[in-house]
C-alpha atoms as a PDB file:
ATOM      1  CA  MET A   1     -86.246 -25.447 114.032  1.00  0.00           C
ATOM      2  CA  THR A   2     -83.733 -22.595 113.878  1.00  0.00           C
ATOM      3  CA  GLN A   3     -81.207 -22.028 111.114  1.00  0.00           C
ATOM      4  CA  SER A   4     -78.379 -23.269 113.357  1.00  0.00           C
ATOM      5  CA  THR A   5     -80.145 -26.546 114.270  1.00  0.00           C
ATOM      6  CA  ARG A   6     -81.577 -27.298 110.832  1.00  0.00           C
ATOM      7  CA  PRO A   7     -80.105 -30.514 109.370  1.00  0.00           C
ATOM      8  CA  VAL A   8     -77.717 -30.016 106.450  1.00  0.00           C
ATOM      9  CA  ARG A   9     -76.298 -33.522 106.198  1.00  0.00           C
ATOM     10  CA  SER A  10     -76.588 -33.569 102.408  1.00  0.00           C
ATOM     11  CA  VAL A  11     -76.309 -30.355 100.380  1.00  0.00           C
ATOM     12  CA  LEU A  12     -76.753 -31.052  96.681  1.00  0.00           C
ATOM     13  CA  TYR A  13     -75.643 -28.727  93.885  1.00  0.00           C
ATOM     14  CA  ILE A  14     -78.237 -28.389  91.105  1.00  0.00           C
ATOM     15  CA  PRO A  15     -77.549 -26.289  87.966  1.00  0.00           C
ATOM     16  CA  GLY A  16     -79.993 -23.394  87.805  1.00  0.00           C
ATOM     17  CA  SER A  17     -80.147 -23.770  84.045  1.00  0.00           C
ATOM     18  CA  LYS A  18     -81.599 -27.298  83.899  1.00  0.00           C
ATOM     19  CA  GLU A  19     -85.363 -27.278  84.327  1.00  0.00           C
ATOM     20  CA  ARG A  20     -85.578 -31.063  84.403  1.00  0.00           C
ATOM     21  CA  ALA A  21     -82.951 -31.346  87.144  1.00  0.00           C
ATOM     22  CA  LEU A  22     -84.668 -28.615  89.146  1.00  0.00           C
ATOM     23  CA  ASP A  23     -87.956 -30.486  88.927  1.00  0.00           C
ATOM     24  CA  LYS A  24     -86.322 -33.777  89.925  1.00  0.00           C
ATOM     25  CA  ALA A  25     -84.803 -32.075  92.974  1.00  0.00           C
ATOM     26  CA  ARG A  26     -88.272 -31.715  94.458  1.00  0.00           C
ATOM     27  CA  GLY A  27     -88.333 -35.442  95.145  1.00  0.00           C
ATOM     28  CA  LEU A  28     -84.771 -36.000  96.332  1.00  0.00           C
ATOM     29  CA  PRO A  29     -84.031 -36.705 100.029  1.00  0.00           C
ATOM     30  CA  ALA A  30     -81.312 -34.047 100.296  1.00  0.00           C
ATOM     31  CA  ASP A  31     -81.506 -31.817 103.380  1.00  0.00           C
ATOM     32  CA  ALA A  32     -80.548 -28.779 101.305  1.00  0.00           C
ATOM     33  CA  ILE A  33     -80.152 -27.782  97.675  1.00  0.00           C
ATOM     34  CA  ILE A  34     -77.704 -25.261  96.281  1.00  0.00           C
ATOM     35  CA  PHE A  35     -79.309 -23.900  93.129  1.00  0.00           C
ATOM     36  CA  ASP A  36     -76.193 -22.921  91.231  1.00  0.00           C
ATOM     37  CA  LEU A  37     -75.973 -19.907  88.953  1.00  0.00           C
ATOM     38  CA  GLU A  38     -72.164 -19.781  89.061  1.00  0.00           C
ATOM     39  CA  ASP A  39     -69.816 -22.634  88.062  1.00  0.00           C
ATOM     40  CA  ALA A  40     -72.563 -24.961  86.786  1.00  0.00           C
ATOM     41  CA  VAL A  41     -73.813 -22.418  84.218  1.00  0.00           C
ATOM     42  CA  THR A  42     -71.871 -21.330  81.131  1.00  0.00           C
ATOM     43  CA  PRO A  43     -71.544 -17.587  80.446  1.00  0.00           C
ATOM     44  CA  ASP A  44     -73.923 -17.645  77.485  1.00  0.00           C
ATOM     45  CA  ALA A  45     -76.606 -19.365  79.600  1.00  0.00           C
ATOM     46  CA  LYS A  46     -76.500 -17.090  82.658  1.00  0.00           C
ATOM     47  CA  ALA A  47     -79.532 -14.968  81.807  1.00  0.00           C
ATOM     48  CA  ASP A  48     -81.724 -17.931  80.869  1.00  0.00           C
ATOM     49  CA  ALA A  49     -80.627 -19.854  83.965  1.00  0.00           C
ATOM     50  CA  ARG A  50     -81.539 -16.921  86.186  1.00  0.00           C
ATOM     51  CA  ALA A  51     -85.032 -16.752  84.692  1.00  0.00           C
ATOM     52  CA  THR A  52     -85.497 -20.541  84.748  1.00  0.00           C
ATOM     53  CA  LEU A  53     -84.471 -20.811  88.392  1.00  0.00           C
ATOM     54  CA  ARG A  54     -86.719 -17.974  89.526  1.00  0.00           C
ATOM     55  CA  ALA A  55     -89.679 -19.545  87.728  1.00  0.00           C
ATOM     56  CA  GLU A  56     -89.061 -22.924  89.376  1.00  0.00           C
ATOM     57  CA  LEU A  57     -88.647 -21.341  92.815  1.00  0.00           C
ATOM     58  CA  ASP A  58     -91.930 -19.515  92.332  1.00  0.00           C
ATOM     59  CA  LYS A  59     -93.629 -22.830  91.536  1.00  0.00           C
ATOM     60  CA  GLY A  60     -92.488 -24.150  94.923  1.00  0.00           C
ATOM     61  CA  GLY A  61     -92.808 -27.791  95.851  1.00  0.00           C
ATOM     62  CA  PHE A  62     -89.349 -28.186  97.410  1.00  0.00           C
ATOM     63  CA  GLY A  63     -90.806 -29.170 100.763  1.00  0.00           C
ATOM     64  CA  ASN A  64     -88.679 -28.880 103.897  1.00  0.00           C
ATOM     65  CA  ARG A  65     -85.403 -28.768 101.993  1.00  0.00           C
ATOM     66  CA  MET A  66     -83.248 -25.720 102.608  1.00  0.00           C
ATOM     67  CA  ARG A  67     -83.144 -23.673  99.400  1.00  0.00           C
ATOM     68  CA  ILE A  68     -79.823 -21.907  98.841  1.00  0.00           C
ATOM     69  CA  VAL A  69     -79.015 -19.969  95.673  1.00  0.00           C
ATOM     70  CA  ARG A  70     -75.358 -19.584  94.709  1.00  0.00           C
ATOM     71  CA  ILE A  71     -75.019 -16.358  92.779  1.00  0.00           C
ATOM     72  CA  ASN A  72     -72.094 -15.189  90.692  1.00  0.00           C
ATOM     73  CA  GLY A  73     -69.466 -13.040  92.339  1.00  0.00           C
ATOM     74  CA  PHE A  74     -69.507  -9.261  92.159  1.00  0.00           C
ATOM     75  CA  ASP A  75     -66.291  -9.358  90.141  1.00  0.00           C
ATOM     76  CA  THR A  76     -68.475 -10.561  87.250  1.00  0.00           C
ATOM     77  CA  VAL A  77     -71.184  -8.840  85.229  1.00  0.00           C
ATOM     78  CA  TRP A  78     -73.787 -11.313  86.501  1.00  0.00           C
ATOM     79  CA  GLY A  79     -73.586 -11.051  90.294  1.00  0.00           C
ATOM     80  CA  ARG A  80     -75.814  -8.038  90.832  1.00  0.00           C
ATOM     81  CA  GLN A  81     -78.277  -9.276  88.229  1.00  0.00           C
ATOM     82  CA  ASP A  82     -78.554 -12.563  90.126  1.00  0.00           C
ATOM     83  CA  VAL A  83     -79.350 -10.739  93.367  1.00  0.00           C
ATOM     84  CA  GLU A  84     -81.975  -8.590  91.667  1.00  0.00           C
ATOM     85  CA  ALA A  85     -83.618 -11.695  90.202  1.00  0.00           C
ATOM     86  CA  MET A  86     -83.844 -13.307  93.652  1.00  0.00           C
ATOM     87  CA  GLN A  87     -85.519 -10.363  95.363  1.00  0.00           C
ATOM     88  CA  GLY A  88     -88.673 -11.680  97.014  1.00  0.00           C
ATOM     89  CA  ALA A  89     -87.995 -15.306  96.061  1.00  0.00           C
ATOM     90  CA  GLU A  90     -88.906 -18.160  98.416  1.00  0.00           C
ATOM     91  CA  ILE A  91     -85.347 -19.048  99.425  1.00  0.00           C
ATOM     92  CA  ASP A  92     -83.541 -19.727 102.684  1.00  0.00           C
ATOM     93  CA  ALA A  93     -80.176 -18.198 101.813  1.00  0.00           C
ATOM     94  CA  LEU A  94     -77.956 -16.648  99.175  1.00  0.00           C
ATOM     95  CA  LEU A  95     -74.489 -18.165  98.780  1.00  0.00           C
ATOM     96  CA  LEU A  96     -71.683 -15.848  97.711  1.00  0.00           C
ATOM     97  CA  PRO A  97     -68.674 -17.498  96.006  1.00  0.00           C
ATOM     98  CA  LYS A  98     -65.019 -16.697  96.649  1.00  0.00           C
ATOM     99  CA  VAL A  99     -65.595 -14.570  99.734  1.00  0.00           C
ATOM    100  CA  ASN A 100     -62.317 -12.871 100.624  1.00  0.00           C
ATOM    101  CA  SER A 101     -63.471 -10.636 103.471  1.00  0.00           C
ATOM    102  CA  ALA A 102     -66.491  -9.455 105.444  1.00  0.00           C
ATOM    103  CA  TYR A 103     -66.647  -6.520 103.015  1.00  0.00           C
ATOM    104  CA  ASP A 104     -67.759  -8.921 100.268  1.00  0.00           C
ATOM    105  CA  LEU A 105     -70.618 -10.149 102.460  1.00  0.00           C
ATOM    106  CA  GLN A 106     -71.589  -6.606 103.384  1.00  0.00           C
ATOM    107  CA  THR A 107     -71.868  -5.719  99.704  1.00  0.00           C
ATOM    108  CA  LEU A 108     -74.410  -8.517  99.324  1.00  0.00           C
ATOM    109  CA  ALA A 109     -76.145  -7.652 102.592  1.00  0.00           C
ATOM    110  CA  ASP A 110     -76.685  -4.073 101.422  1.00  0.00           C
ATOM    111  CA  MET A 111     -78.393  -5.324  98.266  1.00  0.00           C
ATOM    112  CA  ILE A 112     -80.841  -7.763  99.862  1.00  0.00           C
ATOM    113  CA  PRO A 113     -81.742  -7.027 103.487  1.00  0.00           C
ATOM    114  CA  ASP A 114     -84.016  -9.922 104.408  1.00  0.00           C
ATOM    115  CA  VAL A 115     -82.222 -13.139 103.344  1.00  0.00           C
ATOM    116  CA  PRO A 116     -79.609 -15.082 105.363  1.00  0.00           C
ATOM    117  CA  LEU A 117     -76.169 -15.160 103.744  1.00  0.00           C
ATOM    118  CA  TRP A 118     -73.787 -18.054 103.226  1.00  0.00           C
ATOM    119  CA  ALA A 119     -70.137 -17.780 102.193  1.00  0.00           C
ATOM    120  CA  MET A 120     -67.930 -19.997 100.024  1.00  0.00           C
ATOM    121  CA  MET A 121     -64.492 -20.427 101.600  1.00  0.00           C
ATOM    122  CA  GLU A 122     -62.290 -21.197  98.611  1.00  0.00           C
ATOM    123  CA  THR A 123     -59.481 -18.626  98.440  1.00  0.00           C
ATOM    124  CA  PRO A 124     -56.303 -18.142 100.486  1.00  0.00           C
ATOM    125  CA  GLU A 125     -57.406 -14.613 101.427  1.00  0.00           C
ATOM    126  CA  GLY A 126     -60.770 -15.939 102.557  1.00  0.00           C
ATOM    127  CA  ILE A 127     -59.127 -18.521 104.807  1.00  0.00           C
ATOM    128  CA  LEU A 128     -56.904 -15.865 106.359  1.00  0.00           C
ATOM    129  CA  ASN A 129     -60.013 -13.745 107.032  1.00  0.00           C
ATOM    130  CA  ALA A 130     -62.231 -16.635 108.159  1.00  0.00           C
ATOM    131  CA  ARG A 131     -62.879 -15.173 111.599  1.00  0.00           C
ATOM    132  CA  GLU A 132     -64.212 -11.841 110.366  1.00  0.00           C
ATOM    133  CA  ILE A 133     -66.238 -13.524 107.613  1.00  0.00           C
ATOM    134  CA  ALA A 134     -67.917 -15.924 110.037  1.00  0.00           C
ATOM    135  CA  ALA A 135     -68.585 -13.075 112.490  1.00  0.00           C
ATOM    136  CA  HIS A 136     -70.580 -11.023 109.970  1.00  0.00           C
ATOM    137  CA  PRO A 137     -74.037 -10.497 111.532  1.00  0.00           C
ATOM    138  CA  ARG A 138     -75.877 -11.815 108.475  1.00  0.00           C
ATOM    139  CA  LEU A 139     -73.687 -14.892 107.982  1.00  0.00           C
ATOM    140  CA  ALA A 140     -75.665 -18.089 108.628  1.00  0.00           C
ATOM    141  CA  GLY A 141     -73.524 -20.734 106.950  1.00  0.00           C
ATOM    142  CA  ILE A 142     -70.209 -21.576 105.319  1.00  0.00           C
ATOM    143  CA  VAL A 143     -69.492 -23.908 102.391  1.00  0.00           C
ATOM    144  CA  MET A 144     -65.998 -25.230 101.808  1.00  0.00           C
ATOM    145  CA  GLY A 145     -64.960 -24.853  98.167  1.00  0.00           C
ATOM    146  CA  THR A 146     -62.202 -27.440  98.255  1.00  0.00           C
ATOM    147  CA  ASN A 147     -61.751 -27.728  94.485  1.00  0.00           C
ATOM    148  CA  ASP A 148     -60.986 -24.028  94.169  1.00  0.00           C
ATOM    149  CA  LEU A 149     -58.817 -24.135  97.278  1.00  0.00           C
ATOM    150  CA  VAL A 150     -56.680 -26.877  95.735  1.00  0.00           C
ATOM    151  CA  LYS A 151     -56.293 -24.788  92.584  1.00  0.00           C
ATOM    152  CA  GLU A 152     -55.479 -21.574  94.455  1.00  0.00           C
ATOM    153  CA  LEU A 153     -53.033 -23.214  96.849  1.00  0.00           C
ATOM    154  CA  GLY A 154     -51.306 -25.129  94.077  1.00  0.00           C
ATOM    155  CA  CYS A 155     -51.432 -28.287  96.158  1.00  0.00           C
ATOM    156  CA  ARG A 156     -52.293 -31.861  95.241  1.00  0.00           C
ATOM    157  CA  VAL A 157     -55.369 -33.847  96.191  1.00  0.00           C
ATOM    158  CA  THR A 158     -54.531 -36.627  98.642  1.00  0.00           C
ATOM    159  CA  PRO A 159     -56.853 -39.276 100.128  1.00  0.00           C
ATOM    160  CA  ASP A 160     -56.349 -37.937 103.656  1.00  0.00           C
ATOM    161  CA  ARG A 161     -56.793 -34.303 102.505  1.00  0.00           C
ATOM    162  CA  SER A 162     -53.750 -33.287 104.510  1.00  0.00           C
ATOM    163  CA  THR A 163     -52.954 -30.626 101.897  1.00  0.00           C
ATOM    164  CA  VAL A 164     -56.148 -28.682 102.687  1.00  0.00           C
ATOM    165  CA  MET A 165     -56.589 -29.693 106.329  1.00  0.00           C
ATOM    166  CA  THR A 166     -55.387 -26.351 107.688  1.00  0.00           C
ATOM    167  CA  SER A 167     -57.978 -24.505 105.596  1.00  0.00           C
ATOM    168  CA  LEU A 168     -60.735 -26.908 106.646  1.00  0.00           C
ATOM    169  CA  GLN A 169     -59.983 -26.547 110.330  1.00  0.00           C
ATOM    170  CA  ILE A 170     -59.514 -22.772 110.307  1.00  0.00           C
ATOM    171  CA  SER A 171     -62.891 -22.379 108.632  1.00  0.00           C
ATOM    172  CA  LEU A 172     -64.515 -24.839 111.017  1.00  0.00           C
ATOM    173  CA  ILE A 173     -63.135 -23.048 114.070  1.00  0.00           C
ATOM    174  CA  ALA A 174     -64.385 -19.704 112.721  1.00  0.00           C
ATOM    175  CA  ALA A 175     -67.858 -21.125 112.062  1.00  0.00           C
ATOM    176  CA  ARG A 176     -68.121 -22.651 115.518  1.00  0.00           C
ATOM    177  CA  ALA A 177     -66.952 -19.438 117.175  1.00  0.00           C
ATOM    178  CA  ALA A 178     -69.723 -17.571 115.350  1.00  0.00           C
ATOM    179  CA  GLY A 179     -72.436 -20.217 115.779  1.00  0.00           C
ATOM    180  CA  ALA A 180     -72.777 -20.720 112.019  1.00  0.00           C
ATOM    181  CA  LEU A 181     -73.446 -23.896 110.067  1.00  0.00           C
ATOM    182  CA  ILE A 182     -70.575 -25.249 107.992  1.00  0.00           C
ATOM    183  CA  VAL A 183     -70.570 -27.967 105.323  1.00  0.00           C
ATOM    184  CA  ASP A 184     -67.636 -29.823 103.831  1.00  0.00           C
ATOM    185  CA  GLY A 185     -66.516 -29.639 100.206  1.00  0.00           C
ATOM    186  CA  VAL A 186     -67.528 -32.027  97.436  1.00  0.00           C
ATOM    187  CA  TYR A 187     -66.170 -35.479  96.672  1.00  0.00           C
ATOM    188  CA  ASN A 188     -65.585 -35.508  92.932  1.00  0.00           C
ATOM    189  CA  ALA A 189     -65.598 -39.256  92.216  1.00  0.00           C
ATOM    190  CA  PHE A 190     -69.366 -39.649  92.433  1.00  0.00           C
ATOM    191  CA  LYS A 191     -69.284 -43.363  91.549  1.00  0.00           C
ATOM    192  CA  ASP A 192     -66.795 -44.167  94.325  1.00  0.00           C
ATOM    193  CA  ASP A 193     -69.022 -44.944  97.308  1.00  0.00           C
ATOM    194  CA  ASP A 194     -66.168 -46.176  99.494  1.00  0.00           C
ATOM    195  CA  GLY A 195     -64.182 -42.999  98.920  1.00  0.00           C
ATOM    196  CA  LEU A 196     -67.220 -40.842  99.612  1.00  0.00           C
ATOM    197  CA  ARG A 197     -67.963 -42.759 102.785  1.00  0.00           C
ATOM    198  CA  ALA A 198     -64.404 -42.293 104.032  1.00  0.00           C
ATOM    199  CA  GLU A 199     -64.444 -38.561 103.312  1.00  0.00           C
ATOM    200  CA  CYS A 200     -67.860 -38.129 104.955  1.00  0.00           C
ATOM    201  CA  GLU A 201     -66.574 -39.945 108.042  1.00  0.00           C
ATOM    202  CA  GLN A 202     -63.538 -37.664 108.122  1.00  0.00           C
ATOM    203  CA  GLY A 203     -65.658 -34.520 107.732  1.00  0.00           C
ATOM    204  CA  ARG A 204     -68.092 -35.686 110.399  1.00  0.00           C
ATOM    205  CA  ASP A 205     -65.265 -36.469 112.813  1.00  0.00           C
ATOM    206  CA  LEU A 206     -63.728 -33.036 112.208  1.00  0.00           C
ATOM    207  CA  GLY A 207     -67.057 -31.450 113.155  1.00  0.00           C
ATOM    208  CA  PHE A 208     -68.721 -30.462 109.880  1.00  0.00           C
ATOM    209  CA  ASP A 209     -72.524 -30.370 109.819  1.00  0.00           C
ATOM    210  CA  GLY A 210     -72.777 -32.051 106.424  1.00  0.00           C
ATOM    211  CA  LYS A 211     -71.289 -32.385 102.965  1.00  0.00           C
ATOM    212  CA  THR A 212     -71.856 -30.724  99.620  1.00  0.00           C
ATOM    213  CA  LEU A 213     -72.626 -33.198  96.847  1.00  0.00           C
ATOM    214  CA  ILE A 214     -72.408 -33.195  93.068  1.00  0.00           C
ATOM    215  CA  HIS A 215     -74.728 -36.137  92.313  1.00  0.00           C
ATOM    216  CA  PRO A 216     -77.999 -37.462  93.779  1.00  0.00           C
ATOM    217  CA  ALA A 217     -76.395 -40.904  94.179  1.00  0.00           C
ATOM    218  CA  GLN A 218     -74.277 -39.443  96.995  1.00  0.00           C
ATOM    219  CA  ILE A 219     -77.216 -38.317  99.156  1.00  0.00           C
ATOM    220  CA  ASP A 220     -77.920 -41.524 101.082  1.00  0.00           C
ATOM    221  CA  ILE A 221     -74.340 -41.952 102.280  1.00  0.00           C
ATOM    222  CA  ALA A 222     -74.107 -38.348 103.465  1.00  0.00           C
ATOM    223  CA  ASN A 223     -77.471 -38.577 105.217  1.00  0.00           C
ATOM    224  CA  GLU A 224     -76.396 -41.746 106.991  1.00  0.00           C
ATOM    225  CA  LEU A 225     -72.973 -40.621 108.136  1.00  0.00           C
ATOM    226  CA  PHE A 226     -73.861 -37.108 109.256  1.00  0.00           C
ATOM    227  CA  ALA A 227     -76.817 -38.346 111.320  1.00  0.00           C
ATOM    228  CA  PRO A 228     -76.478 -39.712 114.864  1.00  0.00           C
ATOM    229  CA  SER A 229     -76.397 -43.513 114.806  1.00  0.00           C
ATOM    230  CA  GLU A 230     -78.690 -45.639 116.962  1.00  0.00           C
ATOM    231  CA  ALA A 231     -75.670 -46.395 119.154  1.00  0.00           C
ATOM    232  CA  ASP A 232     -74.951 -42.673 119.506  1.00  0.00           C
ATOM    233  CA  ILE A 233     -78.557 -41.978 120.504  1.00  0.00           C
ATOM    234  CA  ASP A 234     -78.618 -44.860 122.990  1.00  0.00           C
ATOM    235  CA  LEU A 235     -75.386 -43.684 124.636  1.00  0.00           C
ATOM    236  CA  ALA A 236     -76.638 -40.090 124.856  1.00  0.00           C
ATOM    237  CA  ARG A 237     -79.842 -41.181 126.562  1.00  0.00           C
ATOM    238  CA  ARG A 238     -77.968 -43.373 129.037  1.00  0.00           C
ATOM    239  CA  GLN A 239     -75.513 -40.569 129.833  1.00  0.00           C
ATOM    240  CA  ILE A 240     -78.341 -38.141 130.536  1.00  0.00           C
ATOM    241  CA  ALA A 241     -80.201 -40.664 132.692  1.00  0.00           C
ATOM    242  CA  ALA A 242     -77.099 -41.540 134.717  1.00  0.00           C
ATOM    243  CA  PHE A 243     -76.162 -37.907 135.250  1.00  0.00           C
ATOM    244  CA  GLU A 244     -79.682 -36.938 136.329  1.00  0.00           C
ATOM    245  CA  GLU A 245     -79.822 -39.872 138.735  1.00  0.00           C
ATOM    246  CA  VAL A 246     -76.580 -38.830 140.426  1.00  0.00           C
ATOM    247  CA  GLU A 247     -77.698 -35.210 140.562  1.00  0.00           C
ATOM    248  CA  ALA A 248     -80.968 -36.194 142.202  1.00  0.00           C
ATOM    249  CA  SER A 249     -79.247 -38.332 144.839  1.00  0.00           C
ATOM    250  CA  GLY A 250     -76.441 -35.859 145.414  1.00  0.00           C
ATOM    251  CA  GLN A 251     -73.945 -38.684 145.727  1.00  0.00           C
ATOM    252  CA  GLY A 252     -71.027 -39.956 143.659  1.00  0.00           C
ATOM    253  CA  VAL A 253     -70.239 -39.324 140.020  1.00  0.00           C
ATOM    254  CA  ALA A 254     -72.061 -40.580 136.939  1.00  0.00           C
ATOM    255  CA  VAL A 255     -70.359 -43.431 135.083  1.00  0.00           C
ATOM    256  CA  VAL A 256     -71.510 -44.959 131.788  1.00  0.00           C
ATOM    257  CA  ASP A 257     -69.643 -47.794 130.084  1.00  0.00           C
ATOM    258  CA  GLY A 258     -66.749 -47.323 132.479  1.00  0.00           C
ATOM    259  CA  LYS A 259     -66.328 -43.630 131.687  1.00  0.00           C
ATOM    260  CA  ILE A 260     -67.070 -40.633 133.883  1.00  0.00           C
ATOM    261  CA  VAL A 261     -69.929 -38.450 132.623  1.00  0.00           C
ATOM    262  CA  GLU A 262     -69.629 -34.741 133.364  1.00  0.00           C
ATOM    263  CA  ASN A 263     -71.858 -31.789 132.530  1.00  0.00           C
ATOM    264  CA  LEU A 264     -69.988 -31.117 129.264  1.00  0.00           C
ATOM    265  CA  HIS A 265     -70.900 -34.613 128.101  1.00  0.00           C
ATOM    266  CA  ILE A 266     -74.555 -33.893 128.878  1.00  0.00           C
ATOM    267  CA  VAL A 267     -74.467 -30.735 126.769  1.00  0.00           C
ATOM    268  CA  THR A 268     -73.116 -32.790 123.870  1.00  0.00           C
ATOM    269  CA  ALA A 269     -75.627 -35.592 124.480  1.00  0.00           C
ATOM    270  CA  LYS A 270     -78.590 -33.216 124.478  1.00  0.00           C
ATOM    271  CA  ALA A 271     -77.346 -31.526 121.293  1.00  0.00           C
ATOM    272  CA  LEU A 272     -77.073 -34.944 119.635  1.00  0.00           C
ATOM    273  CA  LEU A 273     -80.629 -35.876 120.610  1.00  0.00           C
ATOM    274  CA  ALA A 274     -81.880 -32.505 119.372  1.00  0.00           C
ATOM    275  CA  LYS A 275     -80.177 -33.156 116.029  1.00  0.00           C
ATOM    276  CA  ALA A 276     -81.780 -36.598 115.809  1.00  0.00           C
ATOM    277  CA  GLU A 277     -85.184 -35.085 116.528  1.00  0.00           C
ATOM    278  CA  ALA A 278     -84.658 -32.375 113.885  1.00  0.00           C
ATOM    279  CA  ILE A 279     -83.722 -35.009 111.294  1.00  0.00           C
ATOM    280  CA  ALA A 280     -86.783 -37.084 112.183  1.00  0.00           C
ATOM    281  CA  SER A 281     -88.962 -33.969 111.833  1.00  0.00           C
ATOM    282  CA  LEU A 282     -87.427 -33.118 108.460  1.00  0.00           C
ATOM    283  CA  GLU A 283     -87.844 -36.631 107.112  1.00  0.00           C
ATOM    284  CA  GLY A 284     -91.343 -36.916 108.521  1.00  0.00           C
END
């Protein structure tokens, strides 16, 4: 399973300072965990959180979950210390907050040469530079920081997210052009299952690979909605079978459920089945 095909339906933030929460994360069904040393940790707890997180990572036990560490930015006194503390750690990526340009990523890349990098897209400058950020050779994934985007843009939060839709789609286009993973921002009302479901459906339909989460109670909904449904899988298999049958006979065009099936549909169908297989492997 490559980085680009690895399931990231549910990406849960866990404070790096809370040993109990870190231990509990070992048993949660999230596809990925963001161990947070930035917003979830107060300034006076940064050093202890760094040490606590490294100790828990060294213990292991996180299974097949993708382990991503969000460090502090280099505009703070903690960023470089975070990177130094993660040297040699068993992690899958480092996540840099408030990335404004590829230069920010290169600064991190120069400090730690052997770890994939992820970028938070949460500033107007970052959105304007999304293409160059996504094209950085070490960039493996993008996380939408919608709360910070709302603050920086001075816009309001609306149920349809129309006020941040341009930023979401620009970032998504950049990620797809570069072949990087990209996950949607958080849904803040963690007790509102209907609202979460609607926002997951919207993010999925836009093309996001998954959603960042702030509470374990949100995991099941994200896992469900960002996975291919049984109907999706059945349709993909029937499309492939019909297309292969027509190709073998050399006659006519493939039609499934009254719709023409072309090669581009087969590419999509095979990608969907590969995603379903990767999820089954992860959960198994």
